[in-house]
């Protein structure tokens, strides 16, 4: 059964966990500047968690509402995939951009602007009567979520140092994991008792903690950082290349003329070539040459992106597969998938204790192996509730452990003075992997069926495992390695 058939079959029904998202900008590695008075690490961490949680819910909650959304707006399979991909692409691109903007103008402006953009996107998406306004709204939500993420880390980085900073980040991550971990259940309940439009409006909840967050956010940039430039051309090239690749992945399920597919392929090749020249001619641009020069960094970033791609693809397909053989509500499906959040939290904690005793890249190999097994199990389970739940648990174990391992190792694969930039680009690769995963499972669903498409996505974490294995036992830092 194809994804298009599954979406069509959902008409008339009442119908990622994203978990701990990795830090997204230079704030985590920068020394603190002026520290405003007031606010404990725990209190500030909880407030910043409340600020970014609504944006994190933009993936896991909307995935469970996709059958109802697609039925209401008559979306095709590739169009449904763009509901997730648009959010992730926008978030990925603007995380790095807003990191630079925050360095120039301070993070208070970032928090104010991000909140307004998220609210605007939520209003547009929730009121959308068709595909175009929905996707524009989702892209604005992703853009605003990126700004709030940067602003939250910038605020913590400005106010605390040492163990206090670590404590604040830990509290924020815990809030994020607990709430976003329940995303499938939250999305299912809201879809059943109200509508998918309530789910689409969820990111607007960032308005509630925005006022106290703005008061805490630093109004001025850190010393010496105000001259940081934003490489708009480099960012535009990366955005164009990623968007074209997502479109190409969807072509098997879209009736596009052969000449248009060829044109997209040419655009991808040309854009990639121009981007390579841009990196060489502007070594400190959007994709810094000193960061990309590390083979371990490149491998680790692709590996973590492959894990998010596997997770998003599984989360995208699981509700549709279960609806094939069960006349269930979305709340019921959310309950079946909810245990994965608990497994994710436990595995992340266990992974943290393993750091220092096990090579992080070896942990990444294990993580990718779990994800491969989970994706394949989800494909052969054919919507069976028990095995589909187990499949999502396996994928989330891989994602959670991989996040902990790669965040500890990948930024250290480059020289200390560029680790802030490296962390931002690492997050870029992480989120782009999610967009590619959703596009792949949608694009391959018509020729291969939904189960076959999901099975093919297992190639992503398999590639990640091979790349991570190539860096096992490598140097912990130093940017220049040979691929």
Protein backbone atom coordinates (compact mmCIF):
# COMPACT_ATOMS: atom_id res chain seq x y z
CA UNK A 1 0.00 0.00 0.00
CA UNK A 2 1.41 3.40 -0.97
CA UNK A 3 1.54 6.46 1.22
CA UNK A 4 -0.91 8.18 -1.10
CA UNK A 5 -3.38 5.33 -0.62
CA UNK A 6 -2.89 5.44 3.13
CA UNK A 7 -3.58 9.17 3.23
CA UNK A 8 -6.63 8.73 1.04
CA UNK A 9 -7.89 5.97 3.30
CA UNK A 10 -7.68 8.33 6.26
CA UNK A 11 -10.39 10.61 4.89
CA UNK A 12 -13.39 10.84 7.16
CA UNK A 13 -11.53 9.55 10.25
CA UNK A 14 -11.02 11.44 13.46
CA UNK A 15 -7.71 11.03 13.75
CA UNK A 16 10.07 13.31 16.89
CA UNK A 17 9.44 12.83 19.85
CA UNK A 18 12.15 15.06 18.67
CA UNK A 19 13.70 14.54 22.06
CA UNK A 20 16.79 16.39 23.10
CA UNK A 21 17.75 18.57 20.15
CA UNK A 22 21.42 19.38 19.96
CA UNK A 23 22.64 22.95 20.67
CA UNK A 24 22.41 25.08 17.63
CA UNK A 25 24.83 28.00 17.75
CA UNK A 26 28.03 29.30 19.17
CA UNK A 27 26.58 30.04 22.60
CA UNK A 28 27.58 26.69 24.11
CA UNK A 29 31.28 27.20 23.52
CA UNK A 30 31.56 30.93 24.09
CA UNK A 31 32.80 32.47 27.30
CA UNK A 32 30.06 34.40 29.11
CA UNK A 33 29.92 38.18 28.91
CA UNK A 34 27.99 40.58 31.15
CA UNK A 35 25.85 38.54 33.55
CA UNK A 36 22.62 40.28 34.58
CA UNK A 37 21.57 39.83 38.18
CA UNK A 38 18.75 37.52 39.32
CA UNK A 39 17.58 34.08 38.29
CA UNK A 40 18.87 30.72 39.44
CA UNK A 41 20.22 28.17 36.93
CA UNK A 42 17.20 25.96 37.58
CA UNK A 43 14.69 28.79 37.16
CA UNK A 44 16.31 30.17 34.02
CA UNK A 45 16.68 26.67 32.58
CA UNK A 46 12.97 25.97 33.11
CA UNK A 47 12.01 29.29 31.53
CA UNK A 48 14.22 28.72 28.51
CA UNK A 49 12.83 25.20 28.23
CA UNK A 50 9.30 26.62 28.18
CA UNK A 51 10.42 29.00 25.42
CA UNK A 52 11.73 26.33 23.06
CA UNK A 53 9.39 23.39 23.81
CA UNK A 54 6.51 24.71 21.63
CA UNK A 55 8.83 24.78 18.64
CA UNK A 56 10.11 21.27 19.37
CA UNK A 57 6.52 20.05 19.37
CA UNK A 58 6.27 21.22 15.76
CA UNK A 59 7.51 17.83 14.53
CA UNK A 60 6.20 15.04 16.75
CA UNK A 61 2.71 16.48 17.19
CA UNK A 62 2.11 17.33 13.53
CA UNK A 63 3.31 13.88 12.41
CA UNK A 64 0.50 12.18 14.30
CA UNK A 65 -2.03 14.68 12.87
CA UNK A 66 -0.92 14.23 9.26
CA UNK A 67 -3.65 11.72 8.26
CA UNK A 68 -6.42 14.10 9.40
CA UNK A 69 -4.65 17.14 7.95
CA UNK A 70 -4.07 15.46 4.60
CA UNK A 71 -7.67 14.27 4.40
CA UNK A 72 -9.03 17.73 5.21
CA UNK A 73 -6.84 19.61 2.72
CA UNK A 74 -6.67 16.81 0.09
CA UNK A 75 -2.87 16.67 0.19
CA UNK A 76 -0.89 14.18 -1.84
CA UNK A 77 1.88 12.12 -0.25
CA UNK A 78 4.74 14.45 -1.31
CA UNK A 79 2.73 17.47 -0.17
CA UNK A 80 2.21 15.85 3.23
CA UNK A 81 5.96 15.27 3.49
CA UNK A 82 6.55 18.99 2.95
CA UNK A 83 4.53 19.76 6.10
CA UNK A 84 7.46 18.33 8.06
CA UNK A 85 10.26 19.12 5.61
CA UNK A 86 9.41 22.84 5.37
CA UNK A 87 9.68 23.22 9.15
CA UNK A 88 12.98 21.35 9.34
CA UNK A 89 14.56 23.08 6.34
CA UNK A 90 13.69 26.54 7.68
CA UNK A 91 14.91 25.67 11.16
CA UNK A 92 18.15 24.22 9.80
CA UNK A 93 18.96 27.24 7.64
CA UNK A 94 18.11 29.92 10.17
CA UNK A 95 19.79 28.32 13.19
CA UNK A 96 23.20 29.24 11.81
CA UNK A 97 22.03 32.61 10.48
CA UNK A 98 20.45 33.68 13.75
CA UNK A 99 23.54 32.53 15.61
CA UNK A 100 25.53 35.09 13.67
CA UNK A 101 22.83 37.76 14.05
CA UNK A 102 22.78 37.20 17.81
CA UNK A 103 26.53 37.73 17.89
CA UNK A 104 26.06 41.09 16.19
CA UNK A 105 22.96 42.52 17.85
CA UNK A 106 22.40 40.61 21.08
CA UNK A 107 19.89 37.87 21.80
CA UNK A 108 17.01 39.99 23.07
CA UNK A 109 16.23 41.01 19.50
CA UNK A 110 16.42 37.35 18.46
CA UNK A 111 13.90 36.28 21.13
CA UNK A 112 11.45 39.08 20.29
CA UNK A 113 11.66 38.47 16.56
CA UNK A 114 11.50 34.69 16.90
CA UNK A 115 8.39 34.84 19.05
CA UNK A 116 6.59 37.08 16.58
CA UNK A 117 7.58 34.89 13.63
CA UNK A 118 6.47 31.69 15.40
CA UNK A 119 3.11 33.24 16.31
CA UNK A 120 2.59 34.47 12.73
CA UNK A 121 3.47 31.05 11.33
CA UNK A 122 1.13 29.31 13.78
CA UNK A 123 -1.76 31.60 12.81
CA UNK A 124 -1.13 31.07 9.10
CA UNK A 125 -0.74 27.29 9.37
CA UNK A 126 -3.75 26.82 11.67
CA UNK A 127 -6.04 28.82 9.39
CA UNK A 128 -4.69 27.43 6.10
CA UNK A 129 -7.24 26.34 3.55
CA UNK A 130 -4.72 24.84 1.16
CA UNK A 131 -1.18 23.61 0.63
CA UNK A 132 0.63 26.90 -0.05
CA UNK A 133 -0.40 28.89 3.04
CA UNK A 134 0.14 25.81 5.19
CA UNK A 135 3.73 25.37 3.99
CA UNK A 136 4.50 29.08 4.31
CA UNK A 137 3.17 28.95 7.87
CA UNK A 138 5.20 25.87 8.69
CA UNK A 139 8.36 27.46 7.27
CA UNK A 140 7.77 30.54 9.43
CA UNK A 141 7.32 28.28 12.46
CA UNK A 142 10.66 26.60 11.73
CA UNK A 143 12.33 29.98 11.25
CA UNK A 144 10.94 31.27 14.54
CA UNK A 145 11.84 28.05 16.37
CA UNK A 146 15.44 28.49 15.20
CA UNK A 147 15.51 32.02 16.59
CA UNK A 148 14.10 30.95 19.97
CA UNK A 149 16.59 28.09 20.18
CA UNK A 150 19.51 30.44 19.55
CA UNK A 151 18.07 33.00 21.96
CA UNK A 152 17.61 30.42 24.73
CA UNK A 153 21.20 29.19 24.54
CA UNK A 154 22.48 32.74 24.18
CA UNK A 155 20.64 33.77 27.34
CA UNK A 156 22.03 30.87 29.36
CA UNK A 157 25.51 31.44 27.96
CA UNK A 158 25.36 35.12 28.95
CA UNK A 159 24.09 34.60 32.49
CA UNK A 160 26.04 31.58 33.74
CA UNK A 161 29.38 29.86 33.49
CA UNK A 162 30.89 26.55 34.56
CA UNK A 163 28.63 24.19 36.50
CA UNK A 164 25.82 26.75 36.72
CA UNK A 165 25.69 26.92 32.94
CA UNK A 166 25.72 23.13 32.66
CA UNK A 167 22.92 22.91 35.25
CA UNK A 168 20.77 25.44 33.40
CA UNK A 169 21.27 23.64 30.08
CA UNK A 170 20.48 20.30 31.73
CA UNK A 171 17.21 21.62 33.17
CA UNK A 172 16.25 23.09 29.80
CA UNK A 173 17.03 19.82 28.02
CA UNK A 174 15.00 17.87 30.58
CA UNK A 175 11.97 20.10 30.02
CA UNK A 176 12.41 19.68 26.30
CA UNK A 177 12.70 15.90 26.50
CA UNK A 178 9.75 15.39 28.84
CA UNK A 179 7.27 17.56 26.95
CA UNK A 180 8.33 16.89 23.38
CA UNK A 181 8.64 13.20 24.24
CA UNK A 182 4.89 13.15 24.73
CA UNK A 183 4.36 14.83 21.35
CA UNK A 184 2.63 11.88 19.69
CA UNK A 185 0.11 11.63 22.51
CA UNK A 186 -0.44 15.40 22.67
CA UNK A 187 -0.96 15.56 18.91
CA UNK A 188 -3.35 12.62 18.96
CA UNK A 189 -5.50 14.01 21.77
CA UNK A 190 -5.72 17.51 20.24
CA UNK A 191 -6.60 16.08 16.83
CA UNK A 192 -9.39 13.96 18.29
CA UNK A 193 -10.94 16.48 20.68
CA UNK A 194 -10.53 19.42 18.35
CA UNK A 195 -8.77 19.43 15.01
CA UNK A 196 -5.37 19.22 13.38
CA UNK A 197 -5.56 23.02 13.38
CA UNK A 198 -5.05 23.02 17.14
CA UNK A 199 -1.88 21.00 16.59
CA UNK A 200 -0.66 23.43 13.93
CA UNK A 201 -1.19 26.30 16.38
CA UNK A 202 0.84 24.74 19.21
CA UNK A 203 4.09 26.64 18.52
CA UNK A 204 2.25 29.87 19.38
CA UNK A 205 2.44 28.80 23.03
CA UNK A 206 5.91 30.37 22.97
CA UNK A 207 4.11 33.69 23.49
CA UNK A 208 3.48 32.75 27.14
CA UNK A 209 7.12 32.55 28.33
CA UNK A 210 8.29 35.18 25.84
CA UNK A 211 7.84 38.24 28.08
CA UNK A 212 9.98 37.04 31.01
CA UNK A 213 12.46 35.51 28.53
CA UNK A 214 12.92 38.84 26.78
CA UNK A 215 13.75 40.47 30.10
CA UNK A 216 16.51 37.92 30.73
CA UNK A 217 17.97 37.87 27.22
CA UNK A 218 21.11 40.02 26.76
CA UNK A 219 20.36 43.18 24.83
CA UNK A 220 23.92 43.70 23.61
CA UNK A 221 26.35 41.39 21.82
CA UNK A 222 29.30 39.80 23.62
CA UNK A 223 32.56 41.79 23.52
CA UNK A 224 34.44 41.41 20.26
CA UNK A 225 31.59 39.68 18.44
CA UNK A 226 29.70 42.67 17.02
CA UNK A 227 31.65 42.58 13.77
CA UNK A 228 30.57 39.05 12.85
CA UNK A 229 29.22 38.94 9.31
CA UNK A 230 26.41 36.79 7.95
CA UNK A 231 27.26 35.03 4.69
CA UNK A 232 23.87 35.44 3.04
CA UNK A 233 25.05 34.07 -0.31
CA UNK A 234 26.43 30.91 1.28
CA UNK A 235 23.23 30.40 3.29
CA UNK A 236 21.10 30.87 0.15
CA UNK A 237 23.17 28.30 -1.76
CA UNK A 238 22.81 25.74 1.02
CA UNK A 239 19.05 26.38 1.20
CA UNK A 240 18.64 26.01 -2.57
CA UNK A 241 20.69 22.80 -2.70
CA UNK A 242 18.81 21.21 0.22
CA UNK A 243 15.41 22.15 -1.23
CA UNK A 244 16.25 20.76 -4.67
CA UNK A 245 17.50 17.50 -3.13
CA UNK A 246 14.24 17.14 -1.19
CA UNK A 247 12.28 17.73 -4.40
CA UNK A 248 14.35 15.14 -6.27
CA UNK A 249 13.70 12.57 -3.55
CA UNK A 250 9.97 13.09 -4.04
CA UNK A 251 9.96 12.74 -7.84
CA UNK A 252 9.16 8.98 -7.84
CA UNK A 253 5.74 9.83 -6.34
CA UNK A 254 5.16 13.01 -8.35
CA UNK A 255 4.10 13.00 -11.98
CA UNK A 256 6.78 15.40 -13.15
CA UNK A 257 7.90 15.53 -16.80
CA UNK A 258 11.31 14.01 -17.45
CA UNK A 259 12.73 17.33 -18.60
CA UNK A 260 11.74 18.98 -15.30
CA UNK A 261 13.39 16.22 -13.29
CA UNK A 262 16.52 16.64 -15.42
CA UNK A 263 16.42 20.39 -14.84
CA UNK A 264 16.24 19.87 -11.08
CA UNK A 265 19.23 17.53 -11.27
CA UNK A 266 21.19 20.13 -13.23
CA UNK A 267 20.30 22.81 -10.69
CA UNK A 268 21.52 20.53 -7.89
CA UNK A 269 24.84 19.83 -9.61
CA UNK A 270 25.45 23.47 -10.51
CA UNK A 271 24.49 24.69 -7.04
CA UNK A 272 26.80 22.13 -5.44
CA UNK A 273 29.65 23.29 -7.67
CA UNK A 274 29.05 26.96 -6.89
CA UNK A 275 28.85 26.13 -3.18
CA UNK A 276 32.22 24.37 -3.30
CA UNK A 277 33.75 27.42 -4.97
CA UNK A 278 32.11 29.63 -2.34
CA UNK A 279 33.67 27.64 0.49
CA UNK A 280 37.09 28.00 -1.12
CA UNK A 281 36.75 31.70 -1.89
CA UNK A 282 35.09 32.66 1.43
CA UNK A 283 36.79 30.36 3.96
CA UNK A 284 35.05 32.03 6.93
CA UNK A 285 31.60 32.06 5.31
CA UNK A 286 28.44 30.11 6.04
CA UNK A 287 30.32 26.81 5.63
CA UNK A 288 33.78 27.55 7.10
CA UNK A 289 36.60 25.69 5.39
CA UNK A 290 38.39 25.08 8.70
CA UNK A 291 35.37 23.21 9.99
CA UNK A 292 34.66 21.22 6.85
CA UNK A 293 38.34 20.26 6.65
CA UNK A 294 37.89 17.70 9.45
CA UNK A 295 36.93 14.26 8.15
CA UNK A 296 35.70 13.18 11.59
CA UNK A 297 33.51 16.26 11.77
CA UNK A 298 31.97 15.57 8.36
CA UNK A 299 31.39 11.90 9.15
CA UNK A 300 29.87 12.59 12.55
CA UNK A 301 27.55 15.28 11.20
CA UNK A 302 26.27 13.00 8.43
CA UNK A 303 25.84 10.19 10.96
CA UNK A 304 23.66 12.26 13.30
CA UNK A 305 21.67 13.60 10.36
CA UNK A 306 21.02 10.04 9.20
CA UNK A 307 19.62 9.18 12.65
CA UNK A 308 17.14 12.05 12.62
CA UNK A 309 16.19 11.11 9.06
CA UNK A 310 15.40 7.56 10.22
CA UNK A 311 13.37 8.87 13.15
CA UNK A 312 11.30 11.37 11.16
CA UNK A 313 10.61 8.80 8.43
CA UNK A 314 9.45 6.24 11.01
CA UNK A 315 7.33 8.79 12.85
CA UNK A 316 5.85 9.89 9.53
CA UNK A 317 4.96 6.38 8.40
CA UNK A 318 3.92 4.72 11.70
CA UNK A 319 0.45 6.33 12.10
CA UNK A 320 -0.42 5.65 8.47
CA UNK A 321 0.67 2.03 8.68
CA UNK A 322 -1.37 1.46 11.83
CA UNK A 323 -4.46 3.04 10.26
CA UNK A 324 -4.34 0.46 7.48
CA UNK A 325 -5.55 -2.35 9.73
CA UNK A 326 -7.11 -0.55 12.70
CA UNK A 327 -10.01 1.87 12.91
CA UNK A 328 -8.28 3.75 15.71
CA UNK A 329 -8.40 7.34 16.86
CA UNK A 330 -5.25 9.42 16.79
CA UNK A 331 -5.24 9.36 20.59
CA UNK A 332 -5.05 5.57 20.51
CA UNK A 333 -2.15 5.68 18.07
CA UNK A 334 -0.42 8.33 20.17
CA UNK A 335 -0.71 6.07 23.23
CA UNK A 336 0.83 3.16 21.33
CA UNK A 337 3.81 5.28 20.29
CA UNK A 338 4.23 7.15 23.60
CA UNK A 339 6.44 4.52 25.36
CA UNK A 340 9.23 5.41 22.95
CA UNK A 341 9.66 8.71 24.81
CA UNK A 342 10.47 6.91 28.08
CA UNK A 343 12.92 4.62 26.33
CA UNK A 344 14.56 7.65 24.73
CA UNK A 345 15.07 9.42 28.06
CA UNK A 346 16.53 6.33 29.75
CA UNK A 347 18.90 5.56 26.88
CA UNK A 348 20.15 9.16 26.72
CA UNK A 349 20.96 9.08 30.43
CA UNK A 350 22.77 5.76 30.05
CA UNK A 351 24.73 7.12 27.09
CA UNK A 352 25.90 10.07 29.17
CA UNK A 353 27.38 7.70 31.72
CA UNK A 354 29.22 5.80 28.99
CA UNK A 355 31.05 8.87 27.74
CA UNK A 356 34.70 8.75 28.70
CA UNK A 357 34.70 4.95 28.80
CA UNK A 358 33.55 4.20 25.24
CA UNK A 359 34.68 5.86 22.02
CA UNK A 360 31.84 8.24 20.99
CA UNK A 361 32.11 7.18 17.38
CA UNK A 362 31.78 3.53 18.42
CA UNK A 363 28.62 4.56 20.30
CA UNK A 364 27.43 6.21 17.08
CA UNK A 365 27.95 2.94 15.20
CA UNK A 366 25.74 1.17 17.75
CA UNK A 367 23.19 3.98 17.50
CA UNK A 368 22.96 3.68 13.74
CA UNK A 369 22.65 -0.12 14.04
CA UNK A 370 19.67 0.32 16.39
CA UNK A 371 18.11 2.76 13.93
CA UNK A 372 18.60 0.39 10.98
CA UNK A 373 16.94 -2.41 12.96
CA UNK A 374 14.08 -0.14 14.03
CA UNK A 375 13.34 1.16 10.54
CA UNK A 376 13.37 -2.34 9.04
CA UNK A 377 11.16 -3.66 11.85
CA UNK A 378 8.73 -0.81 11.29
CA UNK A 379 8.54 -1.76 7.61
CA UNK A 380 7.91 -5.48 8.15
CA UNK A 381 5.56 -4.90 11.12
CA UNK A 382 3.03 -3.54 8.60
CA UNK A 383 1.24 -1.44 11.22
CA UNK A 384 1.08 -4.08 13.95
CA UNK A 385 0.83 -1.93 17.10
CA UNK A 386 3.23 -3.84 19.35
CA UNK A 387 6.01 -4.22 16.81
CA UNK A 388 5.54 -0.70 15.44
CA UNK A 389 5.96 0.65 18.97
CA UNK A 390 9.11 -1.45 19.41
CA UNK A 391 10.40 -0.18 16.07
CA UNK A 392 10.01 3.44 17.11
CA UNK A 393 11.68 2.64 20.45
CA UNK A 394 14.70 1.20 18.64
CA UNK A 395 14.99 4.21 16.36
CA UNK A 396 14.72 6.59 19.31
CA UNK A 397 17.36 4.68 21.27
CA UNK A 398 19.65 5.18 18.31
CA UNK A 399 18.81 8.86 18.02
CA UNK A 400 19.16 9.58 21.74
CA UNK A 401 22.46 7.75 22.19
CA UNK A 402 23.79 9.16 18.93
CA UNK A 403 22.97 12.72 19.98
CA UNK A 404 24.83 12.34 23.26
CA UNK A 405 27.84 10.68 21.63
CA UNK A 406 28.20 12.94 18.62
CA UNK A 407 27.62 16.17 20.50
CA UNK A 408 30.46 15.15 22.82
CA UNK A 409 32.81 14.28 19.96
CA UNK A 410 32.01 16.13 16.75
CA UNK A 411 32.66 19.75 17.85
CA UNK A 412 35.96 18.53 19.36
CA UNK A 413 37.04 17.29 15.94
CA UNK A 414 37.94 20.86 14.97
CA UNK A 415 40.23 23.50 16.44
CA UNK A 416 39.00 25.20 19.66
CA UNK A 417 38.52 28.65 18.15
CA UNK A 418 35.95 27.41 15.58
CA UNK A 419 34.00 25.00 17.78
CA UNK A 420 31.13 27.45 18.17
CA UNK A 421 30.64 27.57 14.41
CA UNK A 422 31.10 23.80 14.25
CA UNK A 423 28.25 23.26 16.72
CA UNK A 424 25.92 25.44 14.67
CA UNK A 425 26.73 23.62 11.43
CA UNK A 426 26.41 20.29 13.22
CA UNK A 427 22.82 21.25 14.06
CA UNK A 428 22.29 22.29 10.44
CA UNK A 429 23.29 18.82 9.26
CA UNK A 430 21.18 17.20 11.96
CA UNK A 431 17.99 18.98 10.89
CA UNK A 432 18.63 18.56 7.17
CA UNK A 433 18.80 14.82 7.78
CA UNK A 434 15.27 14.93 9.15
CA UNK A 435 13.98 16.76 6.08
CA UNK A 436 15.63 14.21 3.79
CA UNK A 437 14.12 11.31 5.76
CA UNK A 438 10.55 12.57 5.43
CA UNK A 439 11.04 13.35 1.73
CA UNK A 440 12.52 9.91 1.01
CA UNK A 441 9.71 7.89 2.61
CA UNK A 442 7.09 9.99 0.81
CA UNK A 443 8.85 10.01 -2.54
CA UNK A 444 9.38 6.26 -2.68
CA UNK A 445 5.93 5.29 -1.38
CA UNK A 446 4.13 5.21 -4.73
CA UNK A 447 6.52 2.91 -6.60
CA UNK A 448 7.44 0.76 -3.57
CA UNK A 449 4.52 1.08 -1.17
CA UNK A 450 4.81 2.62 2.25
CA UNK A 451 6.51 -0.42 3.77
CA UNK A 452 9.05 -0.62 0.95
CA UNK A 453 9.76 3.10 1.14
CA UNK A 454 10.38 2.89 4.89
CA UNK A 455 12.69 -0.09 4.39
CA UNK A 456 14.74 1.93 1.89
CA UNK A 457 15.20 4.69 4.47
CA UNK A 458 17.24 2.17 6.49
CA UNK A 459 20.04 3.01 4.05
CA UNK A 460 20.45 6.39 5.77
CA UNK A 461 21.55 5.10 9.20
CA UNK A 462 23.50 2.31 7.48
CA UNK A 463 25.58 4.96 5.72
CA UNK A 464 25.87 6.77 9.04
CA UNK A 465 27.19 3.61 10.71
CA UNK A 466 29.86 3.14 8.03
CA UNK A 467 31.01 6.75 8.32
CA UNK A 468 31.09 6.63 12.13
CA UNK A 469 33.08 3.39 12.02
CA UNK A 470 35.69 5.12 9.84
CA UNK A 471 36.36 7.57 12.71
CA UNK A 472 36.48 5.07 15.59
CA UNK A 473 39.75 5.56 17.45
CA UNK A 474 40.48 8.85 15.66
CA UNK A 475 41.96 12.00 17.17
CA UNK A 476 39.68 13.89 19.55
CA UNK A 477 40.47 17.24 18.00
CA UNK A 478 42.39 18.93 15.24
CA UNK A 479 40.61 20.06 12.16
CA UNK A 480 42.80 18.79 9.38
CA UNK A 481 42.23 15.17 8.51
CA UNK A 482 41.97 13.42 5.22
CA UNK A 483 38.60 12.07 4.17
